[in-house]
N, C-alpha and C. Protein backbone atom coordinates (compact mmCIF):
# COMPACT_ATOMS: atom_id res chain seq x y z
N MET A 1 58.24 145.46 135.02
CA MET A 1 59.25 144.18 135.43
C MET A 1 58.84 144.34 136.78
N ALA A 2 58.21 143.67 137.35
CA ALA A 2 58.21 144.23 139.52
C ALA A 2 60.03 143.26 139.74
N SER A 3 60.07 143.98 140.74
CA SER A 3 61.37 143.61 141.50
C SER A 3 61.30 142.52 142.31
N GLU A 4 62.42 142.01 142.59
CA GLU A 4 62.47 141.44 144.08
C GLU A 4 62.25 141.60 145.22
N ASP A 5 62.00 143.08 145.51
CA ASP A 5 61.96 143.12 146.83
C ASP A 5 61.83 145.39 146.53
N PRO A 6 60.06 145.14 147.13
CA PRO A 6 60.11 147.00 146.99
C PRO A 6 61.39 148.31 146.87
N VAL A 7 61.23 148.87 146.12
CA VAL A 7 61.89 150.33 146.58
C VAL A 7 61.32 151.41 147.60
N VAL A 8 61.73 150.84 148.65
CA VAL A 8 61.96 151.15 150.40
C VAL A 8 62.59 152.44 150.89
N LEU A 9 62.86 153.43 151.15
CA LEU A 9 64.09 154.43 150.65
C LEU A 9 63.89 154.69 152.49
N VAL A 10 65.00 154.98 153.14
CA VAL A 10 65.23 155.27 154.58
C VAL A 10 66.14 156.69 154.93
N PRO A 11 65.88 157.70 156.10
CA PRO A 11 66.79 159.02 155.87
C PRO A 11 68.46 158.40 156.12
N TYR A 12 68.83 158.73 155.50
CA TYR A 12 69.94 158.70 155.82
C TYR A 12 70.81 158.71 157.29
N GLN A 13 71.44 157.60 157.30
CA GLN A 13 72.18 156.79 158.11
C GLN A 13 73.60 156.84 158.92
N GLU A 14 74.08 157.71 159.87
CA GLU A 14 75.42 157.69 159.97
C GLU A 14 76.23 156.71 159.79
N ALA A 15 76.20 155.48 160.25
CA ALA A 15 76.04 154.28 160.32
C ALA A 15 76.51 153.61 159.03
N TRP A 16 75.99 153.90 157.78
CA TRP A 16 76.37 153.46 156.63
C TRP A 16 78.12 154.34 155.84
N LEU A 17 78.68 155.45 156.45
CA LEU A 17 80.17 155.00 155.89
C LEU A 17 80.55 154.35 156.96
N SER A 18 81.29 154.15 157.93
CA SER A 18 81.15 152.78 158.66
C SER A 18 80.97 151.63 157.99
N LEU A 19 79.71 151.19 157.72
CA LEU A 19 79.86 149.53 157.00
C LEU A 19 80.28 150.54 156.47
N PHE A 20 80.69 151.05 154.96
CA PHE A 20 81.54 151.04 153.83
C PHE A 20 82.59 150.71 154.55
N GLU A 21 82.96 151.72 155.43
CA GLU A 21 84.66 151.11 155.66
C GLU A 21 85.30 149.50 156.30
N GLU A 22 84.07 149.24 156.65
CA GLU A 22 84.94 147.99 157.53
C GLU A 22 83.83 146.63 156.12
N GLU A 23 83.62 147.22 154.94
CA GLU A 23 83.27 146.42 154.33
C GLU A 23 84.35 146.24 153.23
N ARG A 24 84.91 147.46 153.18
CA ARG A 24 86.43 147.91 152.54
C ARG A 24 87.42 147.03 152.89
N THR A 25 87.27 146.54 154.25
CA THR A 25 88.36 146.36 154.45
C THR A 25 88.36 144.44 154.47
N ARG A 26 87.33 143.72 154.34
CA ARG A 26 86.88 142.50 153.52
C ARG A 26 86.11 142.40 152.75
N ILE A 27 86.36 143.67 151.78
CA ILE A 27 86.73 142.96 150.27
C ILE A 27 87.89 143.38 149.94
N GLU A 28 89.36 144.29 150.18
CA GLU A 28 90.53 144.49 150.31
C GLU A 28 90.90 143.30 150.79
N GLY A 29 90.55 142.29 151.52
CA GLY A 29 91.66 141.24 152.02
C GLY A 29 91.15 140.40 151.17
N ALA A 30 89.79 140.07 151.04
CA ALA A 30 89.20 139.31 149.55
C ALA A 30 90.43 138.94 148.46
N ILE A 31 90.68 140.05 147.96
CA ILE A 31 90.50 140.15 146.55
C ILE A 31 91.57 141.25 146.42
N GLY A 32 92.68 141.31 147.35
CA GLY A 32 94.05 142.40 147.66
C GLY A 32 94.93 142.98 146.63
N PRO A 33 95.37 142.26 145.33
CA PRO A 33 96.35 143.19 144.65
C PRO A 33 95.32 142.84 143.61
N ARG A 34 94.06 142.25 143.60
CA ARG A 34 93.62 142.01 142.27
C ARG A 34 92.49 143.33 141.65
N MET A 35 92.55 144.66 143.35
CA MET A 35 91.62 145.35 142.80
C MET A 35 92.13 146.75 142.82
N GLU A 36 92.36 147.82 142.09
CA GLU A 36 93.40 148.55 142.17
C GLU A 36 92.66 150.23 143.19
N GLU A 37 90.84 149.90 142.41
CA GLU A 37 90.82 151.36 143.65
C GLU A 37 89.40 150.50 143.79
N ILE A 38 88.45 151.38 144.94
CA ILE A 38 87.33 151.02 145.22
C ILE A 38 86.86 152.38 146.68
N GLU A 39 85.18 152.11 145.49
CA GLU A 39 84.72 153.38 145.91
C GLU A 39 84.13 153.34 146.99
N HIS A 40 82.65 154.12 148.15
CA HIS A 40 81.60 154.16 148.53
C HIS A 40 80.73 154.95 147.12
N ILE A 41 79.86 154.15 146.57
CA ILE A 41 78.84 155.12 145.53
C ILE A 41 77.56 155.63 146.52
N GLY A 42 76.61 156.32 145.31
CA GLY A 42 75.30 155.49 145.33
C GLY A 42 74.78 156.76 147.12
N SER A 43 73.43 157.02 147.22
CA SER A 43 73.25 157.78 148.20
C SER A 43 73.23 157.03 149.49
N THR A 44 73.95 156.03 149.32
CA THR A 44 74.41 155.74 151.08
C THR A 44 75.66 156.69 151.38
N ALA A 45 76.53 156.99 149.42
CA ALA A 45 77.45 157.76 150.42
C ALA A 45 77.45 159.28 150.14
N VAL A 46 76.04 159.74 150.50
CA VAL A 46 76.01 161.57 150.01
C VAL A 46 75.33 161.52 151.51
N PRO A 47 76.18 162.44 152.50
CA PRO A 47 75.59 162.85 153.68
C PRO A 47 73.90 163.75 153.75
N GLY A 48 72.94 163.20 154.39
CA GLY A 48 71.54 163.50 154.75
C GLY A 48 71.59 162.70 153.44
N LEU A 49 71.55 162.03 152.62
CA LEU A 49 70.94 161.88 151.56
C LEU A 49 70.02 160.07 151.98
N ALA A 50 68.19 160.58 151.71
CA ALA A 50 67.63 159.18 151.88
C ALA A 50 67.74 158.47 151.06
N ALA A 51 68.16 156.63 151.23
CA ALA A 51 68.51 155.42 150.15
C ALA A 51 68.23 154.83 150.71
N LYS A 52 67.73 153.98 149.37
CA LYS A 52 67.82 152.40 150.16
C LYS A 52 68.83 152.32 150.85
N PRO A 53 68.51 151.26 151.79
CA PRO A 53 69.55 150.97 153.08
C PRO A 53 70.43 150.02 152.31
N VAL A 54 71.29 150.05 151.24
CA VAL A 54 72.64 149.11 150.60
C VAL A 54 73.30 150.36 150.23
N ILE A 55 74.38 149.53 150.50
CA ILE A 55 75.94 150.20 150.51
C ILE A 55 75.85 149.92 149.28
N ASP A 56 76.40 150.67 148.51
CA ASP A 56 76.96 150.36 147.10
C ASP A 56 78.14 151.00 147.09
N ILE A 57 79.16 149.96 146.69
CA ILE A 57 80.48 149.86 146.54
C ILE A 57 80.60 149.80 144.55
N MET A 58 81.63 149.99 144.44
CA MET A 58 82.57 150.25 142.90
C MET A 58 84.10 150.25 143.10
N VAL A 59 84.03 148.70 142.03
CA VAL A 59 85.13 148.18 142.63
C VAL A 59 86.02 148.25 141.31
N GLY A 60 86.53 148.55 141.38
CA GLY A 60 87.97 148.99 139.58
C GLY A 60 88.96 147.95 140.15
N VAL A 61 89.16 147.31 138.71
CA VAL A 61 89.72 145.51 138.23
C VAL A 61 90.21 146.22 137.24
N ARG A 62 91.70 145.49 137.09
CA ARG A 62 92.64 144.96 135.85
C ARG A 62 91.40 144.76 135.07
N SER A 63 91.15 144.05 134.60
CA SER A 63 90.63 142.77 133.35
C SER A 63 89.18 142.92 134.23
N LEU A 64 88.32 142.55 133.32
CA LEU A 64 86.71 141.50 133.61
C LEU A 64 87.16 140.33 133.90
N GLU A 65 88.48 139.90 132.99
CA GLU A 65 88.58 137.93 132.36
C GLU A 65 88.49 137.75 133.59
N ASP A 66 89.14 138.25 135.51
CA ASP A 66 89.55 137.52 136.19
C ASP A 66 88.60 137.54 137.37
N THR A 67 86.53 137.71 136.72
CA THR A 67 85.68 137.23 137.42
C THR A 67 85.80 135.99 137.99
N PRO A 68 85.96 135.37 137.20
CA PRO A 68 86.14 133.37 138.09
C PRO A 68 87.01 133.62 139.13
N ALA A 69 87.87 134.26 139.15
CA ALA A 69 88.16 134.15 140.32
C ALA A 69 88.49 134.90 141.26
N LEU A 70 87.51 136.05 140.87
CA LEU A 70 87.03 137.15 141.67
C LEU A 70 86.16 136.92 143.12
N VAL A 71 85.27 136.29 142.12
CA VAL A 71 83.96 135.49 142.31
C VAL A 71 83.57 134.22 143.84
N ALA A 72 84.90 133.39 143.31
CA ALA A 72 85.28 132.22 144.31
C ALA A 72 86.16 132.81 145.38
N ARG A 73 86.25 134.31 145.11
CA ARG A 73 87.02 135.22 146.91
C ARG A 73 86.46 135.97 147.43
N LEU A 74 84.94 136.88 146.76
CA LEU A 74 84.32 136.93 147.27
C LEU A 74 83.00 136.59 148.08
N GLU A 75 82.59 135.16 147.12
CA GLU A 75 81.52 134.38 148.14
C GLU A 75 82.08 134.06 149.67
N PRO A 76 82.93 133.84 149.90
CA PRO A 76 83.14 133.23 151.38
C PRO A 76 83.18 134.83 152.68
N ILE A 77 83.42 135.49 151.52
CA ILE A 77 83.23 136.64 152.56
C ILE A 77 81.35 137.36 151.99
N GLY A 78 80.16 136.95 151.89
CA GLY A 78 79.11 136.71 151.69
C GLY A 78 78.72 137.22 150.05
N TYR A 79 79.36 136.95 149.13
CA TYR A 79 78.79 137.93 147.92
C TYR A 79 77.69 137.39 147.00
N GLU A 80 76.97 136.92 146.69
CA GLU A 80 76.94 136.56 145.59
C GLU A 80 77.25 136.95 144.34
N TYR A 81 77.77 135.97 143.31
CA TYR A 81 77.34 136.61 141.93
C TYR A 81 76.45 136.70 140.85
N VAL A 82 75.76 137.44 140.28
CA VAL A 82 74.59 137.41 139.99
C VAL A 82 74.62 138.08 138.14
N PRO A 83 74.69 136.65 137.58
CA PRO A 83 76.00 136.63 135.89
C PRO A 83 75.22 137.25 135.08
N ALA A 84 73.76 136.88 135.30
CA ALA A 84 72.45 137.49 134.80
C ALA A 84 72.45 139.41 134.29
N LEU A 85 73.47 139.90 134.70
CA LEU A 85 73.10 141.48 134.89
C LEU A 85 74.41 141.73 134.26
N ALA A 86 75.24 140.37 133.41
CA ALA A 86 76.18 141.08 132.55
C ALA A 86 75.80 141.37 131.60
N ARG A 87 74.76 140.91 131.10
CA ARG A 87 73.98 140.57 129.47
C ARG A 87 73.76 141.98 129.33
N GLN A 88 73.11 142.61 130.04
CA GLN A 88 73.18 143.91 130.52
C GLN A 88 73.59 144.75 130.35
N MET A 89 74.60 145.23 131.26
CA MET A 89 75.91 145.51 131.42
C MET A 89 76.76 145.19 131.12
N PRO A 90 77.88 144.69 129.79
CA PRO A 90 78.89 143.90 129.82
C PRO A 90 79.63 144.33 130.18
N PHE A 91 79.80 145.61 131.18
CA PHE A 91 81.08 145.90 131.38
C PHE A 91 80.59 145.87 132.84
N ARG A 92 80.14 145.75 133.30
CA ARG A 92 80.43 145.82 135.19
C ARG A 92 79.90 144.45 135.06
N ARG A 93 80.10 143.80 136.29
CA ARG A 93 80.04 142.18 136.87
C ARG A 93 79.16 142.62 138.33
N TYR A 94 78.15 142.00 138.85
CA TYR A 94 77.48 142.73 139.69
C TYR A 94 77.41 141.51 140.76
N PHE A 95 77.37 142.19 142.57
CA PHE A 95 77.46 141.51 143.13
C PHE A 95 76.30 141.43 144.11
N ARG A 96 76.19 141.04 145.10
CA ARG A 96 74.88 140.86 146.81
C ARG A 96 75.62 140.25 147.66
N LYS A 97 75.26 141.05 148.54
CA LYS A 97 75.37 140.52 149.47
C LYS A 97 73.81 140.27 150.89
N LEU A 98 73.29 139.28 151.03
CA LEU A 98 71.75 139.29 151.57
C LEU A 98 71.69 139.17 152.56
N ARG A 99 71.11 140.25 153.75
CA ARG A 99 71.20 139.15 155.18
C ARG A 99 69.21 139.54 155.39
N GLY A 100 68.59 138.02 155.77
CA GLY A 100 67.08 138.30 156.31
C GLY A 100 66.56 137.89 154.61
N GLY A 101 67.75 137.43 153.33
CA GLY A 101 66.36 137.66 152.24
C GLY A 101 65.85 139.14 151.52
N ARG A 102 67.41 140.48 152.34
CA ARG A 102 67.56 141.74 151.73
C ARG A 102 68.64 142.02 151.33
N ARG A 103 69.34 142.39 150.14
CA ARG A 103 70.32 143.26 149.62
C ARG A 103 71.18 144.05 151.08
N THR A 104 72.06 144.16 151.32
CA THR A 104 72.67 145.29 152.66
C THR A 104 74.28 145.83 151.78
N HIS A 105 74.79 145.27 150.70
CA HIS A 105 75.61 145.74 150.13
C HIS A 105 75.63 145.39 148.73
N GLN A 106 75.67 145.91 148.31
CA GLN A 106 76.26 144.96 146.59
C GLN A 106 77.66 146.51 145.66
N ILE A 107 78.02 145.12 144.50
CA ILE A 107 79.40 145.57 144.01
C ILE A 107 79.06 146.03 143.07
N HIS A 108 79.35 147.06 142.54
CA HIS A 108 80.05 146.77 141.09
C HIS A 108 81.58 147.09 140.89
N LEU A 109 81.58 145.34 139.83
CA LEU A 109 83.49 145.61 139.84
C LEU A 109 82.97 145.58 137.88
N VAL A 110 83.94 146.31 137.70
CA VAL A 110 84.35 147.24 136.95
C VAL A 110 86.21 147.12 136.30
N GLU A 111 86.35 147.41 134.92
CA GLU A 111 87.62 147.39 134.81
C GLU A 111 87.45 148.89 134.87
N ARG A 112 88.94 149.23 135.80
CA ARG A 112 89.16 150.24 135.66
C ARG A 112 89.43 151.41 135.37
N SER A 113 90.02 150.89 133.74
CA SER A 113 90.31 151.36 133.00
C SER A 113 89.57 152.20 131.84
N ASP A 114 88.37 152.18 132.36
CA ASP A 114 86.60 152.64 132.23
C ASP A 114 85.59 153.86 133.06
N ALA A 115 87.37 154.36 131.95
CA ALA A 115 87.00 155.73 133.15
C ALA A 115 85.48 156.29 132.93
N ALA A 116 84.93 156.51 131.86
CA ALA A 116 83.56 157.22 132.25
C ALA A 116 82.68 156.89 132.79
N PHE A 117 82.63 155.75 132.85
CA PHE A 117 81.67 155.03 134.14
C PHE A 117 81.75 155.03 135.40
N TRP A 118 82.86 154.61 135.71
CA TRP A 118 83.89 155.02 136.82
C TRP A 118 83.40 156.44 136.91
N GLU A 119 83.59 157.89 136.28
CA GLU A 119 83.79 158.87 136.78
C GLU A 119 82.35 159.62 136.72
N ARG A 120 81.24 159.01 136.04
CA ARG A 120 80.55 159.76 136.17
C ARG A 120 80.02 158.95 137.46
N HIS A 121 79.63 158.59 138.39
CA HIS A 121 79.69 157.43 139.51
C HIS A 121 80.09 158.35 140.22
N VAL A 122 81.79 158.40 140.29
CA VAL A 122 81.80 159.50 141.23
C VAL A 122 81.66 161.60 141.14
N LEU A 123 82.06 161.32 140.27
CA LEU A 123 81.46 163.02 140.07
C LEU A 123 79.72 163.33 140.69
N PHE A 124 78.97 162.19 140.39
CA PHE A 124 77.86 162.33 140.91
C PHE A 124 77.99 162.41 142.31
N ARG A 125 78.20 161.19 143.41
CA ARG A 125 78.29 161.33 144.34
C ARG A 125 78.87 162.89 144.86
N ASP A 126 80.00 163.10 144.30
CA ASP A 126 81.12 164.49 144.96
C ASP A 126 79.98 165.69 144.78
N TYR A 127 78.75 165.60 143.01
CA TYR A 127 78.66 167.22 143.11
C TYR A 127 77.31 166.96 144.43
N LEU A 128 77.02 166.33 144.51
CA LEU A 128 76.06 166.00 145.88
C LEU A 128 76.25 166.65 146.73
N ARG A 129 77.50 165.91 147.30
CA ARG A 129 78.38 166.07 148.97
C ARG A 129 78.51 167.71 148.89
N ALA A 130 78.71 168.03 148.04
CA ALA A 130 78.85 169.03 147.00
C ALA A 130 77.93 170.39 147.59
N HIS A 131 76.97 170.01 146.87
CA HIS A 131 75.60 170.31 146.82
C HIS A 131 74.41 170.65 147.54
N PRO A 132 74.33 170.44 148.78
CA PRO A 132 73.38 170.26 149.47
C PRO A 132 71.51 170.46 148.90
N GLU A 133 71.24 171.33 148.54
CA GLU A 133 70.33 171.52 147.67
C GLU A 133 69.97 171.08 146.48
N VAL A 134 70.79 171.00 145.73
CA VAL A 134 70.67 169.71 144.71
C VAL A 134 70.34 168.23 145.04
N ALA A 135 71.08 168.07 146.51
CA ALA A 135 70.94 166.26 147.05
C ALA A 135 69.45 166.50 147.68
N GLU A 136 69.06 167.93 148.05
CA GLU A 136 67.18 167.64 148.24
C GLU A 136 66.93 167.28 147.27
N GLY A 137 66.62 168.25 146.31
CA GLY A 137 65.95 168.11 144.88
C GLY A 137 65.93 166.38 144.65
N TYR A 138 67.26 166.21 144.60
CA TYR A 138 67.04 164.11 143.98
C TYR A 138 66.23 163.42 145.35
N ALA A 139 66.56 163.76 146.81
CA ALA A 139 65.80 163.26 147.13
C ALA A 139 64.03 163.26 147.39
N ARG A 140 63.97 164.52 147.02
CA ARG A 140 62.29 164.67 146.76
C ARG A 140 61.99 164.16 145.09
N LEU A 141 62.97 163.89 144.31
CA LEU A 141 62.72 162.99 142.51
C LEU A 141 62.75 160.97 143.69
N LYS A 142 63.50 161.06 144.29
CA LYS A 142 63.25 160.07 144.45
C LYS A 142 62.25 158.74 145.86
N TYR A 143 62.16 159.68 146.74
CA TYR A 143 60.80 159.69 147.33
C TYR A 143 59.26 159.33 146.82
N GLU A 144 59.57 160.96 145.81
CA GLU A 144 58.07 160.33 144.40
C GLU A 144 58.27 159.40 143.42
N ALA A 145 58.93 159.27 143.23
CA ALA A 145 59.95 157.97 142.55
C ALA A 145 59.68 156.35 142.83
N SER A 146 60.28 156.92 144.44
CA SER A 146 59.72 155.00 145.18
C SER A 146 58.20 155.43 145.54
N GLU A 147 57.36 156.57 145.74
CA GLU A 147 56.07 156.02 146.19
C GLU A 147 55.36 155.46 144.37
N ARG A 148 55.99 156.56 142.95
CA ARG A 148 55.14 155.79 141.75
C ARG A 148 55.47 154.54 141.62
N PHE A 149 56.17 153.67 142.53
CA PHE A 149 57.55 152.27 141.95
C PHE A 149 57.74 151.26 142.06
N ARG A 150 57.69 151.47 143.43
CA ARG A 150 57.57 150.92 144.38
C ARG A 150 57.43 149.76 144.31
N GLU A 151 57.16 148.89 143.60
CA GLU A 151 56.87 147.37 142.91
C GLU A 151 58.17 147.03 141.27
N ASP A 152 58.65 148.83 140.78
CA ASP A 152 58.79 148.10 139.91
C ASP A 152 60.39 149.09 139.71
N ARG A 153 61.74 147.84 140.22
CA ARG A 153 62.75 148.53 140.54
C ARG A 153 63.13 149.12 139.73
N ALA A 154 62.60 148.73 138.00
CA ALA A 154 63.84 148.85 136.78
C ALA A 154 62.73 150.50 136.06
N ALA A 155 61.71 151.69 136.85
CA ALA A 155 60.65 151.57 136.55
C ALA A 155 61.61 153.18 137.36
N TYR A 156 61.76 152.37 138.76
CA TYR A 156 62.20 153.43 139.22
C TYR A 156 63.70 154.14 139.20
N THR A 157 64.29 153.36 138.82
CA THR A 157 65.48 153.67 138.51
C THR A 157 65.49 154.50 136.85
N ASP A 158 64.55 154.30 136.55
CA ASP A 158 64.38 155.05 135.10
C ASP A 158 64.22 156.42 135.55
N ALA A 159 63.31 156.77 137.02
CA ALA A 159 62.41 157.98 136.91
C ALA A 159 63.30 159.25 137.43
N LYS A 160 64.94 158.32 137.68
CA LYS A 160 66.69 159.07 138.13
C LYS A 160 66.75 159.75 136.80
N THR A 161 66.70 158.79 136.23
CA THR A 161 67.74 158.76 134.76
C THR A 161 68.11 160.29 134.51
N GLU A 162 67.17 161.16 134.25
CA GLU A 162 67.59 163.09 133.42
C GLU A 162 68.08 163.92 134.71
N PHE A 163 67.51 163.16 135.43
CA PHE A 163 67.52 163.79 136.51
C PHE A 163 69.69 163.99 137.46
N ILE A 164 69.38 162.25 137.07
CA ILE A 164 71.53 161.78 137.02
C ILE A 164 72.19 162.61 135.84
N ALA A 165 71.63 162.48 134.49
CA ALA A 165 72.68 162.88 133.50
C ALA A 165 72.98 164.54 134.23
N GLU A 166 71.57 164.89 134.40
CA GLU A 166 72.15 166.42 134.32
C GLU A 166 73.32 166.70 135.53
N VAL A 167 72.73 166.04 136.30
CA VAL A 167 73.88 166.11 137.96
C VAL A 167 75.69 165.51 136.97
N VAL A 168 75.35 164.93 136.60
CA VAL A 168 77.16 164.90 135.58
C VAL A 168 77.26 165.59 135.02
N ARG A 169 76.23 166.84 134.07
CA ARG A 169 77.25 167.73 133.35
C ARG A 169 77.26 169.15 134.03
N LEU A 170 76.43 168.87 134.94
CA LEU A 170 76.66 170.17 135.45
C LEU A 170 78.18 169.34 136.74
N ALA A 171 78.49 168.54 136.55
CA ALA A 171 79.89 168.21 137.25
C ALA A 171 80.92 168.99 136.72
N GLU A 172 80.48 167.55 135.98
CA GLU A 172 81.69 167.86 134.36
C GLU A 172 81.99 169.19 133.79
N ASN A 173 81.09 170.72 133.93
CA ASN A 173 80.97 171.54 133.89
C ASN A 173 81.39 172.39 135.25
N GLU A 174 81.60 172.04 136.48
CA GLU A 174 82.56 172.60 137.35
C GLU A 174 83.50 172.37 137.53
N ARG A 175 84.38 170.47 136.98
CA ARG A 175 85.43 170.57 137.32
C ARG A 175 86.38 171.50 136.28
N ASP A 176 85.57 171.13 135.09
CA ASP A 176 86.42 171.71 133.81
C ASP A 176 86.60 173.62 134.08
C-alpha cells in the first residue's frame, strides 16, 4: 500500500518543542473544556531523535461521541478530520494539518479513560528521553526502515512495531 507522501526523516530540530507548545495553545483555545489532557508524543517529542517532521499530538477527551463538535472546533484552526482511519482504529480519531500539501501536525484524539493506549505512547516517549542509547538504536532502525519503505508508510510503521513493543515492556518493568 503506497502512502500519500514518502517517509522522509530529518535530524532533530529544537523548534519542535515550541511548535508543539504553540499548537497546544491553539488546541486548548479551540476545544477547551472538552479536553482532559494533551501530550506531545512520537519522535518529535524526543530530544535528539530524527523524525518525520510532523508534530504528533495526543489529545485525551471524555468521549469520542463529542467528535462532531470537536471537528467543528478544530477545522477553523487548520485541522482536517480523516474519518476513514476510525475504521482501522475505532478507539482513535485522527486529524491532520497540512501546509503546502504536506502534514505538519497530527492529532490522535482518544478517550482519556483508555489508559492502555495513552500510557503506551507516554511510556515509550519517556523511556526514549531517559535512555539516549535506546533512542539512538531506534533512530538507526527508523533510517533503515525509511530507506526500505520510503513509499510505503504502513510497511515503515510495521518495521518499527517489534522495537516499540519491546521498549514499552522495558518501560513498564522499570516503572514497576
